[in-house]
Amino acid sequence: MRLKSKKNKALHFILILAVILLICAIGFWARASERLTEMNTLGGLRNMAENSAEIERIGRFAVQQHNNNQIDVVKDHNLNVTEIFILEQMNTFLEFARVVEAKEQVVAGKMYHLTLEVVDGGKKKIYEAKIWEKPWMNFKQLQEFKQAYDN
């Protein structure tokens, strides 16, 4: 009778151990699958909330950089300060309105892909911008800024 009791206890112990090992194996494989999915999305585009303060800040930066680049082009044509001021007053530069859509891509830092609504001479227009940011280096650069379509 005692022999059966010891066998039953040993059998129960082995059964419990097998169940525990099975649960651990399932957890391990599930986590490995998650990591594989994460690795596949690195470098891919991810949607972001376009109404966050961070995204608005980056959108405003893109428009400002575009305007600065336009000023640099004007300066390359040897216009004086008064002529540049007159061009600015004629509303030849873009004014940030809002971020329509935002995506981010993890690269060496982050590449933001933004669709922006801007005001150009009183008329709303849609532009697409790419901004590369490396916050730990205090680096931010407008990579691309182009008109998508009129609103």
Protein backbone atom coordinates (compact mmCIF):
# COMPACT_ATOMS: atom_id res chain seq x y z
CA MET A 1 0.00 0.00 0.00
CA ARG A 2 2.83 2.38 0.85
CA LEU A 3 4.52 1.56 -2.43
CA LYS A 4 1.44 2.65 -4.39
CA SER A 5 1.26 5.84 -2.33
CA LYS A 6 4.90 6.68 -3.11
CA LYS A 7 4.34 5.90 -6.79
CA ASN A 8 1.24 8.11 -6.84
CA LYS A 9 3.15 10.96 -5.19
CA ALA A 10 6.01 10.58 -7.65
CA LEU A 11 3.56 10.45 -10.55
CA HIS A 12 1.77 13.58 -9.30
CA PHE A 13 5.11 15.36 -8.87
CA ILE A 14 6.17 14.45 -12.43
CA LEU A 15 2.79 15.51 -13.80
CA ILE A 16 2.92 18.89 -12.00
CA LEU A 17 6.51 19.41 -13.14
CA ALA A 18 5.53 18.62 -16.75
CA VAL A 19 2.65 21.13 -16.62
CA ILE A 20 4.95 23.81 -15.19
CA LEU A 21 7.55 23.16 -17.90
CA LEU A 22 4.84 23.29 -20.57
CA ILE A 23 3.58 26.65 -19.28
CA CYS A 24 7.14 28.02 -19.21
CA ALA A 25 7.78 26.81 -22.77
CA ILE A 26 4.57 28.41 -24.05
CA GLY A 27 5.50 31.69 -22.33
CA PHE A 28 9.01 31.58 -23.79
CA TRP A 29 7.77 30.99 -27.34
CA ALA A 30 5.10 33.67 -27.02
CA ARG A 31 7.72 36.22 -25.91
CA ALA A 32 10.10 35.13 -28.67
CA SER A 33 7.31 35.66 -31.20
CA GLU A 34 6.65 39.15 -29.77
CA ARG A 35 10.32 40.06 -30.08
CA LEU A 36 10.41 38.86 -33.67
CA THR A 37 7.40 41.05 -34.45
CA GLU A 38 9.09 44.03 -32.75
CA MET A 39 12.26 43.45 -34.77
CA ASN A 40 10.27 43.37 -38.00
CA THR A 41 8.70 46.76 -37.21
CA LEU A 42 11.98 48.54 -36.37
CA GLY A 43 12.56 50.96 -39.19
CA GLY A 44 8.92 50.74 -40.24
CA LEU A 45 6.45 53.60 -40.04
CA ARG A 46 4.23 53.84 -36.98
CA ASN A 47 1.16 56.08 -36.69
CA MET A 48 1.24 58.78 -34.04
CA ALA A 49 -1.34 61.11 -32.50
CA GLU A 50 -1.19 64.24 -34.64
CA ASN A 51 -2.62 66.42 -31.88
CA SER A 52 0.19 65.92 -29.36
CA ALA A 53 2.30 68.87 -28.25
CA GLU A 54 5.47 67.10 -29.42
CA ILE A 55 4.14 66.59 -32.94
CA GLU A 56 2.86 70.17 -33.15
CA ARG A 57 6.29 71.42 -32.07
CA ILE A 58 7.95 69.35 -34.81
CA GLY A 59 5.39 70.54 -37.38
CA ARG A 60 6.04 74.18 -36.48
CA PHE A 61 9.78 73.50 -36.73
CA ALA A 62 9.33 72.10 -40.26
CA VAL A 63 7.43 75.16 -41.48
CA GLN A 64 9.92 77.54 -39.83
CA GLN A 65 12.87 75.70 -41.39
CA HIS A 66 11.20 75.81 -44.80
CA ASN A 67 10.70 79.57 -44.40
CA ASN A 68 14.33 79.99 -43.30
CA ASN A 69 15.44 78.05 -46.37
CA GLN A 70 13.34 80.40 -48.53
CA ILE A 71 15.04 83.41 -46.89
CA ASP A 72 18.44 81.84 -47.64
CA VAL A 73 17.44 81.48 -51.30
CA VAL A 74 16.36 85.13 -51.36
CA LYS A 75 19.65 86.19 -49.73
CA ASP A 76 21.56 84.24 -52.37
CA HIS A 77 19.98 86.58 -54.91
CA ASN A 78 21.67 89.52 -53.14
CA LEU A 79 18.50 91.26 -51.99
CA ASN A 80 18.96 93.79 -49.24
CA VAL A 81 17.29 93.68 -45.83
CA THR A 82 14.51 96.05 -46.91
CA GLU A 83 13.62 93.91 -49.93
CA ILE A 84 13.57 90.78 -47.76
CA PHE A 85 11.33 92.59 -45.24
CA ILE A 86 8.95 93.60 -48.05
CA LEU A 87 8.79 89.97 -49.26
CA GLU A 88 7.98 88.84 -45.72
CA GLN A 89 5.23 91.45 -45.44
CA MET A 90 3.75 90.30 -48.74
CA ASN A 91 3.05 87.03 -46.92
CA THR A 92 5.30 84.99 -49.19
CA PHE A 93 6.16 82.63 -46.36
CA LEU A 94 4.08 79.77 -45.01
CA GLU A 95 2.20 79.86 -41.72
CA PHE A 96 1.70 76.67 -39.70
CA ALA A 97 -1.99 75.74 -39.21
CA ARG A 98 -2.07 72.15 -37.94
CA VAL A 99 -0.72 68.62 -38.28
CA VAL A 100 -3.09 66.51 -40.37
CA GLU A 101 -1.27 63.19 -40.04
CA ALA A 102 1.85 62.02 -38.22
CA LYS A 103 4.02 58.92 -38.47
CA GLU A 104 7.38 58.11 -36.97
CA GLN A 105 10.17 55.84 -38.09
CA VAL A 106 12.97 54.67 -35.82
CA VAL A 107 16.28 55.23 -37.57
CA ALA A 108 19.43 56.67 -35.98
CA GLY A 109 17.03 58.72 -33.89
CA LYS A 110 13.55 59.30 -35.27
CA MET A 111 12.31 60.33 -38.68
CA TYR A 112 8.94 62.04 -38.49
CA HIS A 113 6.70 61.91 -41.56
CA LEU A 114 4.15 64.71 -41.19
CA THR A 115 1.28 65.90 -43.33
CA LEU A 116 0.80 69.58 -42.52
CA GLU A 117 -1.87 72.13 -43.23
CA VAL A 118 -0.30 75.54 -43.81
CA VAL A 119 -1.56 78.94 -44.87
CA ASP A 120 0.12 80.35 -47.96
CA GLY A 121 -1.00 83.87 -48.85
CA GLY A 122 -4.32 83.37 -47.07
CA LYS A 123 -4.98 80.03 -48.79
CA LYS A 124 -4.81 76.67 -46.98
CA LYS A 125 -2.46 74.12 -48.54
CA ILE A 126 -1.25 70.64 -47.62
CA TYR A 127 2.46 69.87 -47.39
CA GLU A 128 4.42 66.73 -46.54
CA ALA A 129 7.52 67.03 -44.38
CA LYS A 130 10.21 64.68 -43.12
CA ILE A 131 12.11 65.73 -40.01
CA TRP A 132 15.04 63.78 -38.60
CA GLU A 133 15.61 64.16 -34.86
CA LYS A 134 18.29 62.85 -32.48
CA PRO A 135 17.31 64.36 -29.11
CA TRP A 136 20.38 63.09 -27.25
CA MET A 137 22.56 65.10 -29.67
CA ASN A 138 20.25 68.15 -29.73
CA PHE A 139 19.94 67.52 -33.49
CA LYS A 140 16.89 68.24 -35.63
CA GLN A 141 16.92 68.63 -39.41
CA LEU A 142 14.29 69.15 -42.08
CA GLN A 143 14.96 66.47 -44.68
CA GLU A 144 12.10 67.10 -47.08
CA PHE A 145 9.29 69.62 -47.49
CA LYS A 146 6.98 69.48 -50.48
CA GLN A 147 3.45 70.44 -51.40
CA ALA A 148 1.11 67.46 -51.50
CA TYR A 149 -2.06 69.09 -52.83
CA ASP A 150 -4.26 72.16 -52.33
CA ASN A 151 -6.97 71.93 -49.68
